Structure formats: C-alpha cells, structure tokens
Amino acid sequence: MSSVPSTLERTSVRRSIGLASNAARLTVRSAQTVTFWAAVLLPLTYLPLLHGGLEQAETLRFAGLLACNAFALVAGHGYGRD
C-alpha cells in the first residue's frame, strides 16, 4: 500500500499554511505599527529628563531611552509601505 495523501489532506495542509502565513503577516504588521509610533512618541519622554539637567541616574535612563528609540526606528522602518 502506498501512502499517497488524499486531495482533502493536501487542501487542509494548504489552508493551515495559509492561515499561519496570514497570522505571521498580521503579527509583523502590528509590530511595525507599534514600533513606528513608539519611535515617533519616545522623544517626548526626553523633555522632562533634559529640562532639569541630567544627573547620574538620569543619564542611564536617557541612554536607555535613546537605545529604545534607535530600536524602534529600525523595527518600525517599514510601516506604511504596503
């Protein structure tokens, strides 16, 4: 006996792959949207830190915010290019 998959099995596998592909595409699109807007809005958080001058603890926070903003710029770069 050969184990040739039936047409129904192949169709079901194709649907599953299609659903997984759509879910992955939606996840990537959502992540790009969130990171794009984070890159836009994160610089607003710099203002309170810079207003009073940077002390030792605030310098570390400022560097962390810059790193987060750089990541958001790279990750959200493709937003709106569909």
PDB file of N, CA and C in Angstrom:
ATOM      1  N   MET A   1       0.838  -1.181   0.000  1.00  0.00           N
ATOM      2  CA  MET A   1       0.000   0.000   0.000  1.00  0.00           C
ATOM      3  C   MET A   1       0.878   1.237   0.000  1.00  0.00           C
ATOM      4  N   SER A   2       0.563   2.125  -0.841  1.00  0.00           N
ATOM      5  CA  SER A   2       1.308   3.389  -0.826  1.00  0.00           C
ATOM      6  C   SER A   2       0.554   4.393   0.030  1.00  0.00           C
ATOM      7  N   SER A   3       1.305   5.304   0.599  1.00  0.00           N
ATOM      8  CA  SER A   3       0.658   6.297   1.461  1.00  0.00           C
ATOM      9  C   SER A   3       0.640   7.644   0.753  1.00  0.00           C
ATOM     10  N   VAL A   4      -0.139   7.728  -0.302  1.00  0.00           N
ATOM     11  CA  VAL A   4      -0.292   8.962  -1.050  1.00  0.00           C
ATOM     12  C   VAL A   4      -1.359   9.799  -0.349  1.00  0.00           C
ATOM     13  N   PRO A   5      -1.013  11.058   0.012  1.00  0.00           N
ATOM     14  CA  PRO A   5      -2.013  11.878   0.690  1.00  0.00           C
ATOM     15  C   PRO A   5      -3.190  12.187  -0.226  1.00  0.00           C
ATOM     16  N   SER A   6      -4.353  12.194   0.338  1.00  0.00           N
ATOM     17  CA  SER A   6      -5.549  12.485  -0.448  1.00  0.00           C
ATOM     18  C   SER A   6      -5.614  13.982  -0.745  1.00  0.00           C
ATOM     19  N   THR A   7      -6.486  14.330  -1.658  1.00  0.00           N
ATOM     20  CA  THR A   7      -6.685  15.735  -2.021  1.00  0.00           C
ATOM     21  C   THR A   7      -7.190  16.524  -0.830  1.00  0.00           C
ATOM     22  N   LEU A   8      -8.044  15.919  -0.030  1.00  0.00           N
ATOM     23  CA  LEU A   8      -8.585  16.578   1.144  1.00  0.00           C
ATOM     24  C   LEU A   8      -7.470  16.914   2.146  1.00  0.00           C
ATOM     25  N   GLU A   9      -6.542  15.988   2.356  1.00  0.00           N
ATOM     26  CA  GLU A   9      -5.427  16.228   3.275  1.00  0.00           C
ATOM     27  C   GLU A   9      -4.536  17.351   2.757  1.00  0.00           C
ATOM     28  N   ARG A  10      -4.237  17.346   1.471  1.00  0.00           N
ATOM     29  CA  ARG A  10      -3.401  18.397   0.896  1.00  0.00           C
ATOM     30  C   ARG A  10      -4.079  19.755   1.001  1.00  0.00           C
ATOM     31  N   THR A  11      -5.386  19.807   0.769  1.00  0.00           N
ATOM     32  CA  THR A  11      -6.127  21.057   0.873  1.00  0.00           C
ATOM     33  C   THR A  11      -6.106  21.566   2.306  1.00  0.00           C
ATOM     34  N   SER A  12      -6.275  20.659   3.249  1.00  0.00           N
ATOM     35  CA  SER A  12      -6.263  21.054   4.657  1.00  0.00           C
ATOM     36  C   SER A  12      -4.884  21.572   5.070  1.00  0.00           C
ATOM     37  N   VAL A  13      -3.827  20.955   4.587  1.00  0.00           N
ATOM     38  CA  VAL A  13      -2.472  21.418   4.889  1.00  0.00           C
ATOM     39  C   VAL A  13      -2.239  22.792   4.270  1.00  0.00           C
ATOM     40  N   ARG A  14      -2.695  22.986   3.059  1.00  0.00           N
ATOM     41  CA  ARG A  14      -2.530  24.291   2.409  1.00  0.00           C
ATOM     42  C   ARG A  14      -3.280  25.385   3.148  1.00  0.00           C
ATOM     43  N   ARG A  15      -4.480  25.079   3.629  1.00  0.00           N
ATOM     44  CA  ARG A  15      -5.231  26.061   4.407  1.00  0.00           C
ATOM     45  C   ARG A  15      -4.502  26.413   5.694  1.00  0.00           C
ATOM     46  N   SER A  16      -3.963  25.393   6.344  1.00  0.00           N
ATOM     47  CA  SER A  16      -3.226  25.632   7.591  1.00  0.00           C
ATOM     48  C   SER A  16      -2.008  26.505   7.347  1.00  0.00           C
ATOM     49  N   ILE A  17      -1.305  26.236   6.268  1.00  0.00           N
ATOM     50  CA  ILE A  17      -0.130  27.048   5.928  1.00  0.00           C
ATOM     51  C   ILE A  17      -0.564  28.464   5.592  1.00  0.00           C
ATOM     52  N   GLY A  18      -1.669  28.607   4.890  1.00  0.00           N
ATOM     53  CA  GLY A  18      -2.179  29.933   4.554  1.00  0.00           C
ATOM     54  C   GLY A  18      -2.589  30.714   5.791  1.00  0.00           C
ATOM     55  N   LEU A  19      -3.246  30.051   6.729  1.00  0.00           N
ATOM     56  CA  LEU A  19      -3.639  30.714   7.973  1.00  0.00           C
ATOM     57  C   LEU A  19      -2.419  31.131   8.783  1.00  0.00           C
ATOM     58  N   ALA A  20      -1.431  30.254   8.851  1.00  0.00           N
ATOM     59  CA  ALA A  20      -0.202  30.583   9.590  1.00  0.00           C
ATOM     60  C   ALA A  20       0.528  31.749   8.924  1.00  0.00           C
ATOM     61  N   SER A  21       0.538  31.759   7.605  1.00  0.00           N
ATOM     62  CA  SER A  21       1.182  32.847   6.874  1.00  0.00           C
ATOM     63  C   SER A  21       0.466  34.173   7.122  1.00  0.00           C
ATOM     64  N   ASN A  22      -0.856  34.152   7.096  1.00  0.00           N
ATOM     65  CA  ASN A  22      -1.620  35.375   7.370  1.00  0.00           C
ATOM     66  C   ASN A  22      -1.413  35.859   8.796  1.00  0.00           C
ATOM     67  N   ALA A  23      -1.369  34.930   9.747  1.00  0.00           N
ATOM     68  CA  ALA A  23      -1.148  35.302  11.146  1.00  0.00           C
ATOM     69  C   ALA A  23       0.238  35.916  11.322  1.00  0.00           C
ATOM     70  N   ALA A  24       1.237  35.340  10.674  1.00  0.00           N
ATOM     71  CA  ALA A  24       2.595  35.891  10.766  1.00  0.00           C
ATOM     72  C   ALA A  24       2.656  37.276  10.140  1.00  0.00           C
ATOM     73  N   ARG A  25       2.008  37.462   9.008  1.00  0.00           N
ATOM     74  CA  ARG A  25       1.992  38.758   8.339  1.00  0.00           C
ATOM     75  C   ARG A  25       1.306  39.817   9.206  1.00  0.00           C
ATOM     76  N   LEU A  26       0.202  39.439   9.835  1.00  0.00           N
ATOM     77  CA  LEU A  26      -0.519  40.355  10.714  1.00  0.00           C
ATOM     78  C   LEU A  26       0.324  40.714  11.941  1.00  0.00           C
ATOM     79  N   THR A  27       1.036  39.740  12.480  1.00  0.00           N
ATOM     80  CA  THR A  27       1.902  39.990  13.632  1.00  0.00           C
ATOM     81  C   THR A  27       3.027  40.945  13.276  1.00  0.00           C
ATOM     82  N   VAL A  28       3.650  40.747  12.140  1.00  0.00           N
ATOM     83  CA  VAL A  28       4.733  41.634  11.713  1.00  0.00           C
ATOM     84  C   VAL A  28       4.197  43.038  11.459  1.00  0.00           C
ATOM     85  N   ARG A  29       3.068  43.143  10.813  1.00  0.00           N
ATOM     86  CA  ARG A  29       2.468  44.450  10.531  1.00  0.00           C
ATOM     87  C   ARG A  29       2.122  45.178  11.834  1.00  0.00           C
ATOM     88  N   SER A  30       1.571  44.455  12.802  1.00  0.00           N
ATOM     89  CA  SER A  30       1.233  45.060  14.096  1.00  0.00           C
ATOM     90  C   SER A  30       2.483  45.519  14.832  1.00  0.00           C
ATOM     91  N   ALA A  31       3.522  44.694  14.802  1.00  0.00           N
ATOM     92  CA  ALA A  31       4.777  45.068  15.461  1.00  0.00           C
ATOM     93  C   ALA A  31       5.385  46.306  14.799  1.00  0.00           C
ATOM     94  N   GLN A  32       5.331  46.389  13.484  1.00  0.00           N
ATOM     95  CA  GLN A  32       5.848  47.566  12.796  1.00  0.00           C
ATOM     96  C   GLN A  32       5.051  48.806  13.159  1.00  0.00           C
ATOM     97  N   THR A  33       3.749  48.672  13.281  1.00  0.00           N
ATOM     98  CA  THR A  33       2.913  49.815  13.660  1.00  0.00           C
ATOM     99  C   THR A  33       3.274  50.310  15.046  1.00  0.00           C
ATOM    100  N   VAL A  34       3.374  49.393  15.990  1.00  0.00           N
ATOM    101  CA  VAL A  34       3.686  49.773  17.370  1.00  0.00           C
ATOM    102  C   VAL A  34       5.078  50.402  17.462  1.00  0.00           C
ATOM    103  N   THR A  35       6.058  49.803  16.807  1.00  0.00           N
ATOM    104  CA  THR A  35       7.419  50.349  16.904  1.00  0.00           C
ATOM    105  C   THR A  35       7.550  51.676  16.152  1.00  0.00           C
ATOM    106  N   PHE A  36       6.820  51.842  15.064  1.00  0.00           N
ATOM    107  CA  PHE A  36       6.854  53.127  14.366  1.00  0.00           C
ATOM    108  C   PHE A  36       6.358  54.242  15.276  1.00  0.00           C
ATOM    109  N   TRP A  37       5.193  54.019  15.894  1.00  0.00           N
ATOM    110  CA  TRP A  37       4.630  55.054  16.755  1.00  0.00           C
ATOM    111  C   TRP A  37       5.440  55.235  18.033  1.00  0.00           C
ATOM    112  N   ALA A  38       6.087  54.179  18.490  1.00  0.00           N
ATOM    113  CA  ALA A  38       6.991  54.330  19.634  1.00  0.00           C
ATOM    114  C   ALA A  38       8.166  55.223  19.247  1.00  0.00           C
ATOM    115  N   ALA A  39       8.689  55.045  18.045  1.00  0.00           N
ATOM    116  CA  ALA A  39       9.795  55.886  17.580  1.00  0.00           C
ATOM    117  C   ALA A  39       9.364  57.343  17.453  1.00  0.00           C
ATOM    118  N   VAL A  40       8.110  57.561  17.114  1.00  0.00           N
ATOM    119  CA  VAL A  40       7.603  58.929  16.996  1.00  0.00           C
ATOM    120  C   VAL A  40       7.413  59.561  18.376  1.00  0.00           C
ATOM    121  N   LEU A  41       6.879  58.797  19.315  1.00  0.00           N
ATOM    122  CA  LEU A  41       6.494  59.363  20.612  1.00  0.00           C
ATOM    123  C   LEU A  41       7.591  59.317  21.682  1.00  0.00           C
ATOM    124  N   LEU A  42       8.559  58.421  21.562  1.00  0.00           N
ATOM    125  CA  LEU A  42       9.611  58.332  22.581  1.00  0.00           C
ATOM    126  C   LEU A  42      10.397  59.625  22.784  1.00  0.00           C
ATOM    127  N   PRO A  43      10.676  60.398  21.756  1.00  0.00           N
ATOM    128  CA  PRO A  43      11.403  61.648  22.003  1.00  0.00           C
ATOM    129  C   PRO A  43      10.679  62.613  22.937  1.00  0.00           C
ATOM    130  N   LEU A  44       9.373  62.484  23.070  1.00  0.00           N
ATOM    131  CA  LEU A  44       8.654  63.333  24.013  1.00  0.00           C
ATOM    132  C   LEU A  44       9.045  63.033  25.461  1.00  0.00           C
ATOM    133  N   THR A  45       9.510  61.817  25.712  1.00  0.00           N
ATOM    134  CA  THR A  45       9.927  61.467  27.065  1.00  0.00           C
ATOM    135  C   THR A  45      11.299  62.049  27.408  1.00  0.00           C
ATOM    136  N   TYR A  46      12.020  62.509  26.416  1.00  0.00           N
ATOM    137  CA  TYR A  46      13.332  63.124  26.683  1.00  0.00           C
ATOM    138  C   TYR A  46      13.172  64.475  27.367  1.00  0.00           C
ATOM    139  N   LEU A  47      12.101  65.182  27.036  1.00  0.00           N
ATOM    140  CA  LEU A  47      11.940  66.556  27.511  1.00  0.00           C
ATOM    141  C   LEU A  47      11.976  66.695  29.034  1.00  0.00           C
ATOM    142  N   PRO A  48      11.234  65.903  29.795  1.00  0.00           N
ATOM    143  CA  PRO A  48      11.321  66.048  31.246  1.00  0.00           C
ATOM    144  C   PRO A  48      12.715  65.730  31.797  1.00  0.00           C
ATOM    145  N   LEU A  49      13.394  64.790  31.173  1.00  0.00           N
ATOM    146  CA  LEU A  49      14.744  64.451  31.638  1.00  0.00           C
ATOM    147  C   LEU A  49      15.730  65.580  31.342  1.00  0.00           C
ATOM    148  N   LEU A  50      15.592  66.163  30.179  1.00  0.00           N
ATOM    149  CA  LEU A  50      16.535  67.209  29.784  1.00  0.00           C
ATOM    150  C   LEU A  50      16.225  68.560  30.431  1.00  0.00           C
ATOM    151  N   HIS A  51      15.010  68.738  30.869  1.00  0.00           N
ATOM    152  CA  HIS A  51      14.594  70.022  31.432  1.00  0.00           C
ATOM    153  C   HIS A  51      15.409  70.400  32.673  1.00  0.00           C
ATOM    154  N   GLY A  52      15.597  69.470  33.572  1.00  0.00           N
ATOM    155  CA  GLY A  52      16.314  69.775  34.809  1.00  0.00           C
ATOM    156  C   GLY A  52      17.796  69.459  34.742  1.00  0.00           C
ATOM    157  N   GLY A  53      18.279  69.043  33.617  1.00  0.00           N
ATOM    158  CA  GLY A  53      19.672  68.622  33.519  1.00  0.00           C
ATOM    159  C   GLY A  53      19.794  67.149  33.885  1.00  0.00           C
ATOM    160  N   LEU A  54      20.798  66.519  33.356  1.00  0.00           N
ATOM    161  CA  LEU A  54      20.958  65.085  33.581  1.00  0.00           C
ATOM    162  C   LEU A  54      21.916  64.842  34.746  1.00  0.00           C
ATOM    163  N   GLU A  55      21.435  64.119  35.732  1.00  0.00           N
ATOM    164  CA  GLU A  55      22.297  63.682  36.817  1.00  0.00           C
ATOM    165  C   GLU A  55      22.707  62.241  36.530  1.00  0.00           C
ATOM    166  N   GLN A  56      23.430  61.626  37.453  1.00  0.00           N
ATOM    167  CA  GLN A  56      23.973  60.288  37.228  1.00  0.00           C
ATOM    168  C   GLN A  56      22.886  59.264  36.886  1.00  0.00           C
ATOM    169  N   ALA A  57      21.842  59.161  37.705  1.00  0.00           N
ATOM    170  CA  ALA A  57      20.783  58.174  37.465  1.00  0.00           C
ATOM    171  C   ALA A  57      19.991  58.516  36.211  1.00  0.00           C
ATOM    172  N   GLU A  58      19.795  59.775  35.959  1.00  0.00           N
ATOM    173  CA  GLU A  58      19.020  60.177  34.780  1.00  0.00           C
ATOM    174  C   GLU A  58      19.802  59.949  33.487  1.00  0.00           C
ATOM    175  N   THR A  59      21.103  60.006  33.562  1.00  0.00           N
ATOM    176  CA  THR A  59      21.928  59.747  32.378  1.00  0.00           C
ATOM    177  C   THR A  59      21.715  58.320  31.889  1.00  0.00           C
ATOM    178  N   LEU A  60      21.647  57.384  32.823  1.00  0.00           N
ATOM    179  CA  LEU A  60      21.415  55.987  32.448  1.00  0.00           C
ATOM    180  C   LEU A  60      20.018  55.817  31.839  1.00  0.00           C
ATOM    181  N   ARG A  61      19.018  56.462  32.404  1.00  0.00           N
ATOM    182  CA  ARG A  61      17.663  56.411  31.827  1.00  0.00           C
ATOM    183  C   ARG A  61      17.639  57.010  30.426  1.00  0.00           C
ATOM    184  N   PHE A  62      18.319  58.138  30.275  1.00  0.00           N
ATOM    185  CA  PHE A  62      18.361  58.805  28.973  1.00  0.00           C
ATOM    186  C   PHE A  62      19.020  57.906  27.928  1.00  0.00           C
ATOM    187  N   ALA A  63      20.111  57.254  28.298  1.00  0.00           N
ATOM    188  CA  ALA A  63      20.784  56.335  27.367  1.00  0.00           C
ATOM    189  C   ALA A  63      19.872  55.158  27.018  1.00  0.00           C
ATOM    190  N   GLY A  64      19.130  54.660  27.997  1.00  0.00           N
ATOM    191  CA  GLY A  64      18.190  53.576  27.732  1.00  0.00           C
ATOM    192  C   GLY A  64      17.076  53.999  26.791  1.00  0.00           C
ATOM    193  N   LEU A  65      16.580  55.217  26.995  1.00  0.00           N
ATOM    194  CA  LEU A  65      15.543  55.737  26.088  1.00  0.00           C
ATOM    195  C   LEU A  65      16.074  55.912  24.668  1.00  0.00           C
ATOM    196  N   LEU A  66      17.308  56.370  24.560  1.00  0.00           N
ATOM    197  CA  LEU A  66      17.914  56.503  23.226  1.00  0.00           C
ATOM    198  C   LEU A  66      18.050  55.146  22.546  1.00  0.00           C
ATOM    199  N   ALA A  67      18.460  54.142  23.307  1.00  0.00           N
ATOM    200  CA  ALA A  67      18.599  52.794  22.743  1.00  0.00           C
ATOM    201  C   ALA A  67      17.234  52.250  22.304  1.00  0.00           C
ATOM    202  N   CYS A  68      16.212  52.465  23.134  1.00  0.00           N
ATOM    203  CA  CYS A  68      14.857  52.029  22.762  1.00  0.00           C
ATOM    204  C   CYS A  68      14.376  52.756  21.514  1.00  0.00           C
ATOM    205  N   ASN A  69      14.669  54.029  21.424  1.00  0.00           N
ATOM    206  CA  ASN A  69      14.250  54.803  20.263  1.00  0.00           C
ATOM    207  C   ASN A  69      14.966  54.321  19.005  1.00  0.00           C
ATOM    208  N   ALA A  70      16.256  54.025  19.117  1.00  0.00           N
ATOM    209  CA  ALA A  70      17.004  53.510  17.960  1.00  0.00           C
ATOM    210  C   ALA A  70      16.420  52.175  17.499  1.00  0.00           C
ATOM    211  N   PHE A  71      16.106  51.299  18.454  1.00  0.00           N
ATOM    212  CA  PHE A  71      15.491  50.016  18.101  1.00  0.00           C
ATOM    213  C   PHE A  71      14.143  50.235  17.416  1.00  0.00           C
ATOM    214  N   ALA A  72      13.334  51.139  17.969  1.00  0.00           N
ATOM    215  CA  ALA A  72      12.017  51.406  17.396  1.00  0.00           C
ATOM    216  C   ALA A  72      12.134  51.985  15.992  1.00  0.00           C
ATOM    217  N   LEU A  73      13.133  52.821  15.763  1.00  0.00           N
ATOM    218  CA  LEU A  73      13.333  53.378  14.422  1.00  0.00           C
ATOM    219  C   LEU A  73      13.639  52.281  13.410  1.00  0.00           C
ATOM    220  N   VAL A  74      14.490  51.355  13.784  1.00  0.00           N
ATOM    221  CA  VAL A  74      14.871  50.267  12.865  1.00  0.00           C
ATOM    222  C   VAL A  74      13.700  49.310  12.672  1.00  0.00           C
ATOM    223  N   ALA A  75      13.051  48.905  13.760  1.00  0.00           N
ATOM    224  CA  ALA A  75      11.979  47.917  13.667  1.00  0.00           C
ATOM    225  C   ALA A  75      10.729  48.477  12.985  1.00  0.00           C
ATOM    226  N   GLY A  76      10.448  49.751  13.145  1.00  0.00           N
ATOM    227  CA  GLY A  76       9.252  50.341  12.542  1.00  0.00           C
ATOM    228  C   GLY A  76       9.488  50.994  11.209  1.00  0.00           C
ATOM    229  N   HIS A  77      10.663  50.781  10.654  1.00  0.00           N
ATOM    230  CA  HIS A  77      11.046  51.446   9.398  1.00  0.00           C
ATOM    231  C   HIS A  77      10.114  51.127   8.233  1.00  0.00           C
ATOM    232  N   GLY A  78       9.605  49.903   8.167  1.00  0.00           N
ATOM    233  CA  GLY A  78       8.780  49.514   7.025  1.00  0.00           C
ATOM    234  C   GLY A  78       7.309  49.828   7.163  1.00  0.00           C
ATOM    235  N   TYR A  79       6.911  50.527   8.211  1.00  0.00           N
ATOM    236  CA  TYR A  79       5.494  50.806   8.444  1.00  0.00           C
ATOM    237  C   TYR A  79       4.936  51.696   7.331  1.00  0.00           C
ATOM    238  N   GLY A  80       3.774  51.321   6.823  1.00  0.00           N
ATOM    239  CA  GLY A  80       3.074  52.139   5.820  1.00  0.00           C
ATOM    240  C   GLY A  80       3.587  51.980   4.406  1.00  0.00           C
ATOM    241  N   ARG A  81       4.385  50.969   4.139  1.00  0.00           N
ATOM    242  CA  ARG A  81       4.921  50.771   2.786  1.00  0.00           C
ATOM    243  C   ARG A  81       4.181  49.695   2.005  1.00  0.00           C
ATOM    244  N   ASP A  82       2.969  49.421   2.371  1.00  0.00           N
ATOM    245  CA  ASP A  82       2.224  48.351   1.680  1.00  0.00           C
ATOM    246  C   ASP A  82       1.479  48.862   0.510  1.00  0.00           C
TER     247      ASP A  82
END
